[in-house]
Amino acid sequence: MDKEKENKEEKKENENNINTDKIKEIEGKLNECQKKCEEYLNGWKRERANFLNYKKEEIERIQGLIEYATEELILKMLPVLDNFDIAEKNIPDELKENENVKGILQIKYQLLDFLKNQGIEEIKTVGEKFDPYLHEAVEEVELNDKDHDIIIEEIQKGYKIKGKLLRSAKVKINK
């Protein structure tokens, strides 16, 4: 019986050793899986951040293209507005109250409202100090006034879009 008991104990010890070895093997595999899981998760997080950055950059790029296209369209519309200004300045006094003339001028005001809604603003000129960034001096006139570099006449209106120069104003200045 002692042998039987010894065999049983030996068998139990062998089973414990086998179980311990299996546990260690399983723990090793589990650790390996956890490391891979962390590695994959970190890789996914990096790629997600890269994708979000790419998406943000693409949105900014597309907005830049839209702004550029808007600027180009508005630049092409400005000569029409210039012609309205010239026509309005040359309307004889007797026609200023004519309904047809008022209707045509209403188109000009609608165009100005549209441009204003697009962020377009006129550059102030007459009476302002000459600013080479905003104004283009096409003529210098010498007056006896003490104020030099003051704009005395606007030849062509200038415009800014959202604070950025779109077209400089052409002006006459006091030399």
Protein backbone atom coordinates (compact mmCIF):
# COMPACT_ATOMS: atom_id res chain seq x y z
CA MET A 1 0.00 0.00 0.00
CA ASP A 2 2.79 2.33 0.62
CA LYS A 3 3.88 1.88 -2.92
CA GLU A 4 0.44 2.60 -4.09
CA LYS A 5 0.35 5.69 -1.95
CA GLU A 6 3.77 6.68 -3.19
CA ASN A 7 2.66 6.18 -6.78
CA LYS A 8 -0.39 8.25 -6.16
CA GLU A 9 1.68 11.02 -4.60
CA GLU A 10 4.23 10.79 -7.39
CA LYS A 11 1.46 10.89 -9.94
CA LYS A 12 -0.10 13.89 -8.20
CA GLU A 13 3.28 15.66 -8.09
CA ASN A 14 3.79 14.96 -11.81
CA GLU A 15 0.33 16.31 -12.53
CA ASN A 16 1.12 19.43 -10.47
CA ASN A 17 4.38 19.90 -12.38
CA ILE A 18 2.60 19.44 -15.69
CA ASN A 19 -0.14 21.85 -14.57
CA THR A 20 2.47 24.37 -13.43
CA ASP A 21 4.26 24.07 -16.76
CA LYS A 22 0.97 24.49 -18.63
CA ILE A 23 0.09 27.50 -16.50
CA LYS A 24 3.47 29.07 -17.19
CA GLU A 25 3.08 28.34 -20.90
CA ILE A 26 -0.43 29.84 -20.92
CA GLU A 27 0.77 32.88 -18.93
CA GLY A 28 3.58 33.38 -21.46
CA LYS A 29 1.10 33.20 -24.34
CA LEU A 30 -1.23 35.57 -22.50
CA ASN A 31 1.59 38.08 -21.94
CA GLU A 32 2.56 37.79 -25.59
CA CYS A 33 -1.05 38.36 -26.65
CA GLN A 34 -1.36 41.37 -24.33
CA LYS A 35 1.83 42.88 -25.79
CA LYS A 36 0.53 42.36 -29.33
CA CYS A 37 -2.84 43.77 -28.31
CA GLU A 38 -1.17 46.92 -26.91
CA GLU A 39 1.03 47.21 -29.99
CA TYR A 40 -1.99 46.92 -32.31
CA LEU A 41 -4.04 49.33 -30.20
CA ASN A 42 -1.23 51.92 -30.20
CA GLY A 43 -0.80 51.48 -33.94
CA TRP A 44 -4.53 51.97 -34.44
CA LYS A 45 -4.47 55.10 -32.25
CA ARG A 46 -1.56 56.54 -34.28
CA GLU A 47 -3.32 55.83 -37.55
CA ARG A 48 -6.56 57.33 -36.22
CA ALA A 49 -4.70 60.50 -35.22
CA ASN A 50 -2.99 60.62 -38.62
CA PHE A 51 -6.36 60.23 -40.32
CA LEU A 52 -7.92 63.02 -38.25
CA ASN A 53 -4.97 65.30 -39.07
CA TYR A 54 -5.29 64.42 -42.76
CA LYS A 55 -9.02 65.12 -42.68
CA LYS A 56 -8.43 68.50 -41.01
CA GLU A 57 -5.74 69.41 -43.57
CA GLU A 58 -8.03 68.42 -46.45
CA ILE A 59 -10.85 70.57 -45.10
CA GLU A 60 -8.46 73.53 -44.82
CA ARG A 61 -7.17 72.91 -48.35
CA ILE A 62 -10.68 72.74 -49.78
CA GLN A 63 -11.67 75.91 -47.93
CA GLY A 64 -8.59 77.61 -49.40
CA LEU A 65 -9.63 76.52 -52.89
CA ILE A 66 -13.15 77.80 -52.33
CA GLU A 67 -11.83 81.14 -51.08
CA TYR A 68 -9.50 81.38 -54.08
CA ALA A 69 -12.36 80.60 -56.48
CA THR A 70 -14.55 83.18 -54.73
CA GLU A 71 -11.83 85.81 -55.05
CA GLU A 72 -11.41 85.05 -58.76
CA LEU A 73 -15.15 85.30 -59.38
CA ILE A 74 -15.41 88.58 -57.51
CA LEU A 75 -12.39 90.01 -59.33
CA LYS A 76 -14.17 89.26 -62.60
CA MET A 77 -17.34 90.99 -61.31
CA LEU A 78 -15.58 94.21 -60.24
CA PRO A 79 -15.35 95.70 -63.78
CA VAL A 80 -19.15 95.42 -64.00
CA LEU A 81 -19.43 97.34 -60.73
CA ASP A 82 -16.91 99.90 -62.05
CA ASN A 83 -19.09 100.42 -65.12
CA PHE A 84 -22.14 100.95 -62.90
CA ASP A 85 -20.16 103.61 -60.97
CA ILE A 86 -19.14 105.38 -64.19
CA ALA A 87 -22.69 105.23 -65.52
CA GLU A 88 -24.10 106.60 -62.24
CA LYS A 89 -21.63 109.51 -62.24
CA ASN A 90 -22.60 110.41 -65.82
CA ILE A 91 -26.40 110.34 -65.40
CA PRO A 92 -27.79 113.76 -66.33
CA ASP A 93 -29.69 115.52 -63.51
CA GLU A 94 -32.97 115.40 -65.43
CA LEU A 95 -32.80 111.57 -65.63
CA LYS A 96 -31.89 110.86 -61.98
CA GLU A 97 -35.56 110.52 -61.03
CA ASN A 98 -36.43 108.35 -64.05
CA GLU A 99 -37.85 104.96 -62.98
CA ASN A 100 -35.76 103.06 -65.54
CA VAL A 101 -32.56 104.67 -64.28
CA LYS A 102 -33.55 103.91 -60.69
CA GLY A 103 -34.17 100.29 -61.68
CA ILE A 104 -30.74 99.95 -63.26
CA LEU A 105 -29.12 101.51 -60.20
CA GLN A 106 -31.04 99.04 -58.04
CA ILE A 107 -29.09 96.27 -59.81
CA LYS A 108 -25.87 98.00 -58.72
CA TYR A 109 -27.08 98.13 -55.10
CA GLN A 110 -28.03 94.45 -55.21
CA LEU A 111 -24.55 93.64 -56.51
CA LEU A 112 -23.01 95.71 -53.69
CA ASP A 113 -25.16 93.86 -51.11
CA PHE A 114 -24.08 90.52 -52.57
CA LEU A 115 -20.42 91.51 -52.36
CA LYS A 116 -20.87 92.77 -48.81
CA ASN A 117 -22.38 89.41 -47.82
CA GLN A 118 -19.30 87.71 -49.32
CA GLY A 119 -17.03 89.73 -47.01
CA ILE A 120 -16.10 92.40 -49.56
CA GLU A 121 -15.56 95.93 -48.33
CA GLU A 122 -14.61 99.09 -50.17
CA ILE A 123 -11.29 100.71 -49.34
CA LYS A 124 -11.73 104.23 -47.99
CA THR A 125 -10.00 106.79 -50.14
CA VAL A 126 -10.90 110.50 -50.40
CA GLY A 127 -9.58 112.41 -47.39
CA GLU A 128 -7.52 109.44 -46.15
CA LYS A 129 -3.74 109.30 -45.91
CA PHE A 130 -2.14 107.48 -48.85
CA ASP A 131 -1.24 103.88 -47.98
CA PRO A 132 0.82 102.13 -50.69
CA TYR A 133 -0.53 98.77 -49.53
CA LEU A 134 -4.15 99.80 -50.17
CA HIS A 135 -3.82 102.57 -52.75
CA GLU A 136 -2.15 103.00 -56.11
CA ALA A 137 -1.24 106.61 -56.90
CA VAL A 138 -1.98 107.23 -60.57
CA GLU A 139 -1.47 110.99 -60.33
CA GLU A 140 0.09 113.45 -57.92
CA VAL A 141 -1.32 116.97 -57.76
CA GLU A 142 0.47 119.81 -56.02
CA LEU A 143 -1.91 121.85 -53.89
CA ASN A 144 -0.99 124.60 -51.50
CA ASP A 145 -2.45 122.70 -48.57
CA LYS A 146 -0.15 121.59 -45.79
CA ASP A 147 -1.56 118.03 -45.84
CA HIS A 148 0.70 115.90 -48.01
CA ASP A 149 0.00 112.35 -49.20
CA ILE A 150 -3.73 112.87 -48.68
CA ILE A 151 -6.03 111.33 -51.29
CA ILE A 152 -7.96 114.02 -53.13
CA GLU A 153 -9.77 111.93 -55.75
CA GLU A 154 -10.67 108.30 -56.38
CA ILE A 155 -10.16 107.08 -59.93
CA GLN A 156 -11.12 103.43 -59.35
CA LYS A 157 -12.48 101.84 -56.19
CA GLY A 158 -10.40 99.33 -54.31
CA TYR A 159 -11.70 96.36 -52.35
CA LYS A 160 -10.71 94.03 -49.52
CA ILE A 161 -12.06 90.55 -48.91
CA LYS A 162 -12.24 89.56 -45.26
CA GLY A 163 -9.50 92.08 -44.45
CA LYS A 164 -7.21 90.91 -47.26
CA LEU A 165 -6.45 93.19 -50.22
CA LEU A 166 -8.39 92.14 -53.31
CA ARG A 167 -7.76 95.13 -55.57
CA SER A 168 -5.97 98.37 -54.68
CA ALA A 169 -7.76 101.69 -55.16
CA LYS A 170 -6.44 103.97 -57.91
CA VAL A 171 -6.24 107.51 -56.57
CA LYS A 172 -4.92 111.04 -57.03
CA ILE A 173 -2.91 112.35 -54.10
CA ASN A 174 -1.74 115.73 -52.84
CA LYS A 175 1.98 115.99 -53.37
